[in-house]
Protein backbone atom coordinates (compact mmCIF):
# COMPACT_ATOMS: atom_id res chain seq x y z
CA MET A 1 6.86 -27.71 9.10
CA LYS A 2 4.57 -27.49 6.09
CA HIS A 3 4.05 -23.88 4.97
CA LYS A 4 0.55 -22.67 4.26
CA GLU A 5 -0.20 -20.58 1.20
CA PRO A 6 -1.34 -17.00 1.97
CA MET A 7 -5.10 -16.66 2.16
CA THR A 8 -5.02 -13.56 -0.01
CA VAL A 9 -2.68 -11.61 -2.28
CA VAL A 10 -2.90 -8.08 -3.69
CA VAL A 11 -3.25 -7.56 -7.44
CA ASN A 12 -4.00 -4.58 -9.71
CA LEU A 13 -7.19 -5.08 -11.69
CA PRO A 14 -8.44 -3.11 -14.75
CA ILE A 15 -11.60 -1.08 -14.17
CA SER A 16 -14.03 -0.13 -16.92
CA ARG A 17 -14.82 3.59 -16.82
CA ALA A 18 -17.25 5.78 -18.70
CA ILE A 19 -15.81 8.39 -21.05
CA GLY A 20 -14.82 11.43 -19.03
CA ASP A 21 -14.53 9.52 -15.74
CA LYS A 22 -11.17 10.63 -14.33
CA ARG A 23 -10.89 7.90 -11.71
CA PRO A 24 -8.07 5.31 -12.08
CA THR A 25 -8.50 2.57 -14.69
CA PHE A 26 -6.51 0.12 -12.51
CA LEU A 27 -7.17 -0.46 -8.82
CA PRO A 28 -5.54 -2.70 -6.21
CA SER A 29 -7.74 -5.54 -4.98
CA LEU A 30 -7.51 -8.98 -3.41
CA ILE A 31 -7.44 -12.53 -4.74
CA ILE A 32 -8.74 -15.02 -2.15
CA ARG A 33 -7.25 -18.50 -2.07
CA ASP A 34 -9.63 -20.96 -3.80
CA LYS A 35 -12.23 -18.18 -4.21
CA GLY A 36 -10.90 -15.70 -6.77
CA VAL A 37 -11.43 -11.95 -6.83
CA TYR A 38 -12.71 -10.47 -3.58
CA LYS A 39 -15.30 -8.31 -5.32
CA ASP A 40 -16.34 -6.26 -2.33
CA ALA A 41 -12.73 -5.34 -1.57
CA LEU A 42 -12.63 -4.07 -5.15
CA GLN A 43 -15.83 -2.11 -4.48
CA PHE A 44 -14.18 -0.67 -1.35
CA ALA A 45 -11.15 0.42 -3.41
CA ASP A 46 -13.40 1.90 -6.10
CA GLU A 47 -15.36 3.94 -3.55
CA PHE A 48 -12.15 5.31 -2.05
CA SER A 49 -10.88 6.26 -5.51
CA LEU A 50 -13.34 9.16 -5.44
CA ALA A 51 -11.16 10.97 -2.92
CA TYR A 52 -7.85 9.12 -2.47
CA SER A 53 -4.84 8.46 -4.65
CA VAL A 54 -4.07 4.96 -5.91
CA LYS A 55 -1.11 4.87 -3.52
CA ALA A 56 -3.35 5.59 -0.53
CA ILE A 57 -5.86 2.94 -1.65
CA GLU A 58 -3.08 0.40 -2.16
CA THR A 59 -1.86 1.01 1.40
CA ARG A 60 -5.34 0.16 2.70
CA ILE A 61 -5.79 -2.91 0.52
CA LYS A 62 -2.36 -4.27 1.55
CA THR A 63 -3.31 -3.78 5.20
CA ILE A 64 -6.56 -5.72 4.69
CA ALA A 65 -4.61 -8.50 2.97
CA ARG A 66 -2.13 -8.71 5.87
CA PHE A 67 -4.98 -8.82 8.36
CA MET A 68 -6.79 -11.60 6.46
CA ASN A 69 -3.60 -13.68 6.25
CA PHE A 70 -3.04 -13.11 9.97
CA TRP A 71 -6.64 -14.09 10.75
CA ASP A 72 -6.34 -17.28 8.70
CA LEU A 73 -3.29 -18.40 10.72
CA PHE A 74 -4.34 -17.08 14.13
CA ILE A 75 -7.98 -18.28 14.15
CA GLU A 76 -7.15 -21.51 12.26
CA GLY A 77 -10.67 -21.96 10.90
CA VAL A 78 -12.32 -22.12 14.31
CA ASP A 79 -15.76 -20.55 14.76
CA ILE A 80 -15.10 -17.83 17.35
CA SER A 81 -17.22 -15.51 19.46
CA ILE A 82 -17.93 -11.85 18.74
CA GLU A 83 -15.58 -10.81 21.56
CA GLU A 84 -12.83 -13.00 20.15
CA GLN A 85 -13.27 -11.40 16.74
CA SER A 86 -12.75 -7.94 18.24
CA ASN A 87 -9.71 -9.03 20.21
CA ALA A 88 -8.21 -10.68 17.14
CA ILE A 89 -7.95 -7.25 15.52
CA PHE A 90 -6.07 -5.85 18.49
CA THR A 91 -3.82 -8.90 18.49
CA TYR A 92 -3.02 -8.25 14.83
CA VAL A 93 -1.85 -4.75 15.80
CA ASP A 94 0.16 -6.23 18.69
CA PHE A 95 2.07 -8.54 16.38
CA ARG A 96 2.59 -5.78 13.81
CA ILE A 97 4.31 -3.66 16.45
CA HIS A 98 6.51 -6.47 17.73
CA GLY A 99 6.93 -8.54 14.59
CA THR A 100 6.86 -12.32 14.16
CA GLU A 101 10.50 -12.97 13.31
CA GLU A 102 11.39 -14.15 16.82
CA LEU A 103 8.52 -16.63 17.09
CA ASP A 104 9.28 -20.32 17.29
CA GLU A 105 8.98 -21.99 13.89
CA LEU A 106 6.11 -24.09 15.22
CA HIS A 107 4.11 -20.99 16.04
CA PRO A 108 1.42 -20.53 13.33
CA LEU A 109 2.26 -16.83 12.87
CA SER A 110 5.95 -17.47 12.19
CA GLU A 111 5.05 -17.85 8.52
CA LEU A 112 4.19 -14.14 8.31
CA HIS A 113 7.85 -13.04 8.66
CA TRP A 114 6.86 -9.58 9.87
CA LYS A 115 9.50 -7.13 10.94
CA PRO A 116 8.48 -4.80 13.82
CA ILE A 117 6.89 -1.50 12.80
CA GLN A 118 6.44 1.77 14.68
CA LYS A 119 3.37 2.06 16.92
CA GLU A 120 2.09 5.02 14.93
CA HIS A 121 2.17 3.00 11.69
CA ALA A 122 0.36 0.16 13.45
CA ARG A 123 -2.29 2.62 14.63
CA ASN A 124 -2.85 3.69 11.02
CA GLU A 125 -3.26 0.05 9.97
CA PHE A 126 -5.80 -0.41 12.74
CA LYS A 127 -7.79 2.53 11.37
CA TYR A 128 -7.65 1.14 7.84
CA ILE A 129 -9.12 -2.15 9.06
CA ILE A 130 -11.87 -0.27 10.89
CA GLU A 131 -12.58 1.72 7.71
CA PHE A 132 -13.04 -1.56 5.87
CA PHE A 133 -15.39 -3.04 8.45
CA ASP A 134 -17.29 0.24 8.49
CA PHE A 135 -17.66 -0.03 4.72
CA LEU A 136 -18.95 -3.59 5.02
CA GLU A 137 -21.46 -2.60 7.69
CA LYS A 138 -22.77 0.45 5.83
CA ASN A 139 -23.25 -1.60 2.68
CA SER A 140 -24.86 -4.50 4.59
CA ILE A 141 -22.42 -6.96 3.00
CA ILE A 142 -22.74 -10.58 4.19
CA TYR A 143 -20.29 -13.21 2.98
CA ASP A 144 -21.27 -16.80 2.56
CA GLU A 145 -18.33 -17.55 0.28
CA ILE A 146 -15.68 -16.02 2.55
CA PRO A 147 -16.02 -17.49 6.06
CA ILE A 148 -13.61 -14.98 7.58
CA PHE A 149 -16.25 -12.26 7.43
CA ASN A 150 -19.44 -14.33 7.72
CA ARG A 151 -20.51 -12.87 11.03
CA LEU A 152 -19.60 -9.21 10.73
CA ASN A 153 -20.51 -8.70 14.36
CA ILE A 154 -17.30 -7.12 15.53
CA SER A 155 -18.13 -5.78 18.99
CA PHE A 156 -17.04 -2.17 18.52
CA HIS A 157 -20.13 -0.79 20.19
CA ASN A 158 -20.71 2.92 20.73
CA LYS A 159 -23.83 4.14 22.53
CA ASN A 160 -23.90 7.39 20.58
CA GLY A 161 -23.63 6.17 17.01
CA SER A 162 -21.94 3.71 14.69
CA ARG A 163 -20.17 0.91 16.51
CA TYR A 164 -16.94 1.87 14.73
CA GLU A 165 -16.83 5.63 15.34
CA ASN A 166 -15.03 5.51 18.71
CA TYR A 167 -12.35 3.20 17.36
CA LYS A 168 -11.68 5.32 14.29
CA LYS A 169 -10.84 8.23 16.62
CA PHE A 170 -8.35 6.24 18.68
CA LYS A 171 -5.16 7.97 19.75
CA GLN A 172 -2.05 5.93 20.46
CA PRO A 173 -2.57 5.75 24.27
CA ASP A 174 -6.12 4.42 23.72
CA LEU A 175 -4.83 1.76 21.36
CA LEU A 176 -2.03 0.62 23.69
CA PHE A 177 -4.54 0.33 26.54
CA HIS A 178 -6.74 -1.97 24.46
CA LEU A 179 -3.75 -4.04 23.33
CA LYS A 180 -3.00 -4.75 26.99
CA LYS A 181 -6.63 -5.76 27.58
CA SER A 182 -6.51 -7.95 24.48
CA ARG A 183 -3.44 -9.92 25.56
CA ASP A 184 -5.04 -10.51 29.00
CA PHE A 185 -8.15 -11.72 27.21
CA TRP A 186 -6.27 -14.27 25.10
CA LYS A 187 -4.29 -15.54 28.08
CA GLY A 188 -7.59 -16.36 29.76
CA ILE A 189 -8.71 -18.37 26.72
CA ARG A 190 -5.52 -19.97 25.41
CA GLY A 191 -3.50 -20.15 28.61
CA GLU A 192 -0.21 -18.70 29.80
CA ASN A 193 1.81 -20.89 27.44
CA TYR A 194 0.31 -19.37 24.30
CA HIS A 195 2.99 -17.01 22.99
CA LEU A 196 2.11 -13.33 22.69
CA PRO A 197 4.65 -10.56 22.04
CA ASP A 198 6.72 -9.39 24.99
CA TRP A 199 5.07 -6.07 25.79
CA LEU A 200 8.14 -4.74 27.57
CA ARG A 201 10.44 -5.33 24.59
CA PRO A 202 10.54 -2.25 22.34
CA ALA A 203 10.24 -2.61 18.59
CA SER A 204 13.67 -2.94 17.05
CA THR A 205 13.03 -0.55 14.19
CA LYS A 206 15.07 2.58 13.72
CA SER A 207 13.53 5.82 14.86
CA THR A 208 11.68 7.48 12.03
CA SER A 209 9.83 10.75 11.69
CA ARG A 210 7.80 12.56 9.09
CA PRO A 211 7.73 16.31 8.45
CA TYR A 212 3.99 16.74 9.06
CA PRO A 213 1.13 15.45 11.26
CA ASP A 214 -1.20 12.82 9.81
CA PHE A 215 -4.73 13.45 8.56
CA GLU A 216 -6.49 12.25 11.71
CA GLU A 217 -4.35 14.53 13.87
CA VAL A 218 -5.02 17.55 11.66
CA ARG A 219 -8.75 16.88 11.58
CA ASP A 220 -8.95 16.44 15.37
CA LEU A 221 -6.71 19.44 15.91
CA ILE A 222 -9.18 21.65 14.03
CA LEU A 223 -12.39 20.16 15.39
CA LEU A 224 -11.30 20.34 19.03
CA GLU A 225 -9.97 23.90 18.79
CA LYS A 226 -12.46 26.15 20.58
CA ASN A 227 -10.73 29.46 19.83
CA VAL A 228 -12.06 30.54 16.42
CA THR A 229 -8.93 32.59 15.69
CA PHE A 230 -6.64 29.60 16.07
CA ARG A 231 -9.09 27.27 14.35
CA ALA A 232 -9.13 29.58 11.31
CA ILE A 233 -5.33 29.69 11.29
CA TRP A 234 -4.98 25.88 11.47
CA ILE A 235 -7.42 25.58 8.52
CA ALA A 236 -5.57 28.21 6.46
CA LEU A 237 -2.27 26.40 6.97
CA ALA A 238 -3.48 22.84 6.42
CA PHE A 239 -6.16 23.34 3.76
CA GLY A 240 -5.11 26.69 2.27
CA SER A 241 -1.42 25.73 2.05
CA HIS A 242 -0.19 29.07 3.40
CA ARG A 243 2.80 29.86 5.57
CA VAL A 244 1.91 31.06 9.05
CA SER A 245 3.68 34.38 8.44
CA GLU A 246 1.48 34.97 5.38
CA VAL A 247 -1.66 34.27 7.40
CA LEU A 248 -0.66 36.51 10.31
CA HIS A 249 0.04 39.39 7.89
CA ALA A 250 -3.62 39.30 6.75
CA TRP A 251 -5.80 42.39 7.13
CA GLN A 252 -9.50 42.41 7.93
CA CYS A 253 -10.27 43.45 4.35
CA ASP A 254 -8.50 40.33 2.99
CA VAL A 255 -11.49 38.06 3.54
CA LEU A 256 -14.27 38.65 1.01
CA PRO A 257 -17.30 36.98 -0.57
CA ALA A 258 -16.41 34.69 -3.49
CA ARG A 259 -17.74 37.09 -6.16
CA ASN A 260 -14.94 39.56 -5.37
CA ARG A 261 -12.28 37.36 -6.96
CA ALA A 262 -12.85 39.00 -10.35
CA ARG A 263 -11.69 42.32 -8.89
CA PHE A 264 -8.25 40.88 -8.25
CA PHE A 265 -7.71 38.22 -10.88
CA GLY A 266 -9.89 39.22 -13.82
CA HIS A 267 -12.13 36.18 -13.47
CA SER A 268 -14.65 34.70 -11.08
CA ASP A 269 -16.17 31.26 -11.41
CA PRO A 270 -19.89 31.72 -10.62
CA LYS A 271 -19.97 28.15 -9.29
CA ASN A 272 -17.16 28.83 -6.80
CA ASN A 273 -18.93 30.08 -3.69
CA GLN A 274 -16.00 29.51 -1.34
CA ILE A 275 -14.84 32.47 0.72
CA ALA A 276 -12.02 34.50 -0.85
CA PHE A 277 -9.01 34.78 1.43
CA ILE A 278 -6.61 37.15 -0.31
CA MET A 279 -2.87 37.04 0.32
CA ALA A 280 -1.40 40.54 -0.18
CA HIS A 281 2.21 41.68 0.04
CA PRO A 282 2.48 43.11 3.58
CA SER A 283 4.25 46.32 2.56
CA GLU A 284 4.05 46.69 -1.24
CA SER A 285 0.43 45.75 -2.00
CA THR A 286 -1.88 48.59 -3.01
CA TYR A 287 -5.02 46.70 -2.02
CA ILE A 288 -6.32 48.55 1.05
CA ASP A 289 -10.11 48.84 0.56
CA ALA A 290 -10.21 52.49 1.63
CA PRO A 291 -11.27 55.02 -1.07
CA SER A 292 -9.08 57.73 0.42
CA ALA A 293 -6.01 55.50 0.16
CA ARG A 294 -6.30 54.59 -3.53
CA GLY A 295 -2.87 53.90 -5.00
CA GLN A 296 -1.10 53.87 -1.65
CA THR A 297 0.98 50.92 -0.58
CA ARG A 298 0.21 49.17 2.67
CA GLU A 299 3.46 50.50 4.07
CA ARG A 300 2.44 54.09 3.36
CA TYR A 301 -1.12 53.57 4.59
CA LEU A 302 0.00 52.01 7.88
CA SER A 303 2.38 54.91 8.49
CA ALA A 304 -0.18 57.61 7.69
CA ARG A 305 -3.20 56.05 9.46
CA TYR A 306 -1.66 54.23 12.40
CA GLY A 307 1.94 55.36 12.68
CA MET A 308 2.98 51.74 12.18
CA LEU A 309 5.41 49.81 10.01
CA PRO A 310 4.36 46.64 8.20
CA ARG A 311 5.38 43.65 10.27
CA ASN A 312 7.92 42.47 7.68
CA LEU A 313 9.78 45.81 7.97
CA LEU A 314 10.06 45.80 11.77
CA PRO A 315 13.52 45.21 13.28
CA SER A 316 14.44 41.55 13.62
CA THR A 317 14.35 41.89 17.42
CA HIS A 318 10.81 43.33 17.51
CA LYS A 319 8.23 41.04 19.13
CA ASN A 320 5.71 41.66 16.32
CA ARG A 321 8.18 41.02 13.50
CA LEU A 322 7.04 38.57 10.78
CA GLY A 323 8.98 37.42 7.75
CA TRP A 324 7.75 37.34 4.16
CA LYS A 325 9.15 34.82 1.71
CA SER A 326 8.95 35.13 -2.05
CA LYS A 327 5.46 34.27 -3.31
CA LEU A 328 3.70 34.52 -6.64
CA LEU A 329 1.69 37.78 -6.57
CA LEU A 330 -0.28 39.40 -9.40
CA GLY A 331 -0.80 42.93 -10.68
CA SER A 332 -0.13 46.28 -9.04
CA MET A 333 -2.14 45.19 -6.00
CA LYS A 334 0.32 42.29 -5.54
CA THR A 335 -2.18 39.72 -4.34
CA THR A 336 -2.94 36.05 -4.78
CA ASP A 337 -5.88 33.78 -4.03
CA THR A 338 -6.39 30.91 -1.60
CA PHE A 339 -7.14 27.56 -3.23
CA TRP A 340 -9.21 25.68 -0.68
CA LEU A 341 -8.23 22.02 -0.78
CA ASN A 342 -11.54 20.84 0.65
CA PRO A 343 -14.99 22.51 0.56
CA ASN A 344 -15.66 21.56 4.18
CA ALA A 345 -12.49 23.36 5.22
CA ALA A 346 -13.49 26.50 3.31
CA SER A 347 -16.94 26.46 4.91
CA LEU A 348 -15.54 26.00 8.41
CA PHE A 349 -13.02 28.80 7.81
CA GLU A 350 -15.88 31.08 6.74
CA ASP A 351 -17.76 30.25 9.95
CA CYS A 352 -14.69 31.25 11.95
CA ILE A 353 -14.31 34.50 10.03
CA ARG A 354 -17.90 35.50 10.84
CA GLU A 355 -17.13 35.17 14.54
CA ILE A 356 -13.83 37.02 14.19
CA GLN A 357 -15.53 39.85 12.31
CA LYS A 358 -18.09 40.16 15.09
CA PHE A 359 -15.23 40.54 17.56
CA HIS A 360 -13.59 43.28 15.46
CA LEU A 361 -16.87 45.14 15.14
CA ALA A 362 -17.67 44.92 18.85
CA ASN A 363 -14.19 46.07 19.88
CA GLN A 364 -13.65 48.61 17.07
CA THR A 365 -10.18 47.21 16.41
CA SER A 366 -9.83 49.04 13.08
CA LYS A 367 -9.24 52.24 15.04
CA SER A 368 -5.85 50.92 16.17
CA HIS A 369 -4.77 48.53 13.38
CA PRO A 370 -6.11 46.70 10.30
CA TYR A 371 -5.02 43.11 11.14
CA LEU A 372 -7.36 40.14 10.99
CA PHE A 373 -5.94 37.66 13.49
CA VAL A 374 -5.70 39.13 16.96
CA ASN A 375 -5.67 38.12 20.63
CA THR A 376 -9.33 37.69 21.53
CA ARG A 377 -8.82 36.32 25.04
CA ALA A 378 -5.66 38.06 26.22
CA ARG A 379 -5.64 40.48 29.12
CA GLY A 380 -4.12 43.91 29.36
CA ASP A 381 -2.33 45.59 26.48
CA ASN A 382 -2.30 42.48 24.28
CA PHE A 383 -6.09 42.27 24.06
CA ALA A 384 -7.32 42.74 20.46
CA GLN A 385 -3.76 43.31 19.26
CA PRO A 386 -2.18 41.46 16.31
CA LEU A 387 -1.30 37.87 17.09
CA LYS A 388 2.41 37.13 17.48
CA TYR A 389 4.13 34.15 15.89
CA ALA A 390 5.22 32.82 19.29
CA ARG A 391 1.64 32.94 20.59
CA ALA A 392 0.40 30.94 17.60
CA ALA A 393 3.19 28.39 18.12
CA ASP A 394 2.29 27.98 21.80
CA ALA A 395 -1.39 27.60 20.93
CA LEU A 396 -0.58 24.87 18.42
CA ASP A 397 1.51 22.98 21.00
CA ALA A 398 -1.44 23.13 23.39
CA ALA A 399 -3.79 21.95 20.63
CA PHE A 400 -1.64 18.88 19.91
CA ARG A 401 -1.52 18.00 23.59
CA ARG A 402 -5.31 18.38 23.69
CA ILE A 403 -5.71 15.58 21.12
CA GLY A 404 -3.29 13.31 22.96
CA VAL A 405 -0.07 13.60 20.94
CA SER A 406 3.28 15.19 21.65
CA PRO A 407 3.92 18.58 19.99
CA LYS A 408 7.11 19.29 18.04
CA GLU A 409 7.50 15.60 17.09
CA ASN A 410 6.83 14.26 13.58
CA GLY A 411 6.30 17.72 12.14
CA ARG A 412 3.73 18.77 14.72
CA ASN A 413 4.50 22.46 14.35
CA LEU A 414 3.25 25.44 12.38
CA HIS A 415 5.31 24.69 9.28
CA GLY A 416 4.35 21.01 9.48
CA LEU A 417 0.75 21.90 8.67
CA ARG A 418 1.88 23.34 5.34
CA HIS A 419 3.85 20.14 4.68
CA PHE A 420 0.63 18.26 5.41
CA SER A 421 -1.20 20.32 2.77
CA LYS A 422 1.37 19.36 0.13
CA ASP A 423 0.94 15.68 0.95
CA TYR A 424 -2.85 16.14 0.82
CA MET A 425 -2.59 17.69 -2.65
CA GLU A 426 -0.33 14.90 -3.90
CA ASN A 427 -1.86 11.81 -2.34
CA VAL A 428 -5.51 12.71 -1.75
CA LEU A 429 -6.30 15.14 -4.57
CA GLY A 430 -3.76 13.74 -7.01
CA LEU A 431 -2.66 17.17 -8.27
CA SER A 432 0.34 17.53 -10.56
CA PRO A 433 3.60 19.15 -9.38
CA ARG A 434 2.86 22.25 -11.50
CA GLU A 435 -0.65 22.60 -10.06
CA ILE A 436 0.76 22.31 -6.55
CA GLN A 437 3.35 25.00 -7.32
CA VAL A 438 0.65 27.40 -8.50
CA ILE A 439 -1.49 26.76 -5.42
CA ARG A 440 1.44 27.31 -3.06
CA GLY A 441 2.70 30.34 -4.97
CA ASP A 442 6.07 28.69 -5.54
CA MET A 443 6.41 29.33 -9.28
CA SER A 444 6.80 32.20 -11.70
CA ILE A 445 4.04 33.03 -14.19
CA ASN A 446 4.68 35.61 -16.91
CA SER A 447 1.35 37.44 -17.00
CA GLN A 448 -1.98 37.79 -15.30
CA ASP A 449 -3.58 36.12 -18.32
CA ASP A 450 -1.30 33.08 -17.88
CA TYR A 451 -2.13 33.06 -14.18
CA GLY A 452 -5.85 33.18 -14.98
CA LYS A 453 -5.52 30.22 -17.33
CA ASN A 454 -3.60 28.24 -14.72
CA ILE A 455 -6.00 28.85 -11.88
CA THR A 456 -9.04 28.26 -14.10
CA LYS A 457 -7.59 24.84 -14.93
CA ILE A 458 -6.86 24.15 -11.27
CA HIS A 459 -10.37 25.11 -10.21
CA GLU A 460 -11.73 22.73 -12.87
CA VAL A 461 -9.51 19.94 -11.58
CA MET A 462 -10.55 20.65 -7.99
CA LYS A 463 -14.25 20.62 -8.90
CA SER A 464 -13.79 17.23 -10.59
CA LYS A 465 -12.71 15.73 -7.27
CA ASN A 466 -15.34 14.10 -5.12
CA HIS A 467 -14.13 15.56 -1.86
CA THR A 468 -14.66 13.61 1.32
CA ASN A 469 -16.67 15.12 4.16
CA ILE A 470 -13.79 15.68 6.56
CA PHE A 471 -15.52 17.76 9.24
């Protein structure tokens, strides 16, 4: 059998940038057989470089290349209908899940030599392809020189908006349902003898897992959470990079307008209007925001005002006990700032805080405790009382089930959201290891002046990013 050259290959191309432009000077793009550089794929990569790392862009470009090579072999140059174009994309995903290694050598797709991949990875590739078609549609790109995309009439129709929006939100069960429909579709056109993957045969890859949920899951988790307390917590973990214990230790006075940062850290960027969410040591901090308690620690204040112990000093068997791991804290007040990883996240967190503050005011919670995150819908003695770790964990499990994925798998837990934030800093924002350490409070800094210099630099780096509108 004569082997056909791939329709497209991935290459890194140099990009001319203006002085001061911090975007990459090399980007992955595609070379089309007999056509040369696929310029609009390069434009797609360049647009994504505003918010994504080169690695993330390369993953998308490689997926587009695989899809184009698949299309070239599967469609075989035939002019096909709009419905066939749509089903070809689902068939690509089908073969990615099951691989092509077991196909007969006469089968046109046997040349791809694909090993099976996990369904979740295939779902991500599906979304990358949809992103690309969305880009083409929004930019009204029509290709005379590349027949594969001449028509651009993929039938992903949605009555309420862009034809692609429903498909970009697909969960795995939705995708598997459409794969089944797609294989039935092709059987009707190409007959029972046309080989499609055996749906009942599982992929032969080893079981893999990651320590955090993916971006789409985190975004949906937050957007579909109706309880503003839990929504604020999910945001603080995923886009504030805090531990859940740190968040649950927070007092009502720990959320402040942006201008108050100077009070704690000796500086305040006038252009930074994001809400200040202060992390304070739960027992040793002297930040209390009560004139009569000046100089007191939180431990002493809690004892004198409420007859309570800080939650980190409660017995290990106490239901309200929370841990406190070592974290970079500054000055006698022993506090640190929240570095919001995305402006949309900070804004949504602020919206949640407004609602939470209304609840505290209406229920006069400060008469019984100073804590920020409380049970707003509980009955009996738990109503308006500080939220327990176990309750937050149960709420997160319910939230994952609400978006159609299984909790506790692939890092879908409270700590997994913090792992997600680290990946977001590395692969979306492109921050350095030292910058990430400062943001997470995982490093030692000798003085408040050094800390100020570090966070000033980080804020400058963060402002230079063209953040995507994620909510």
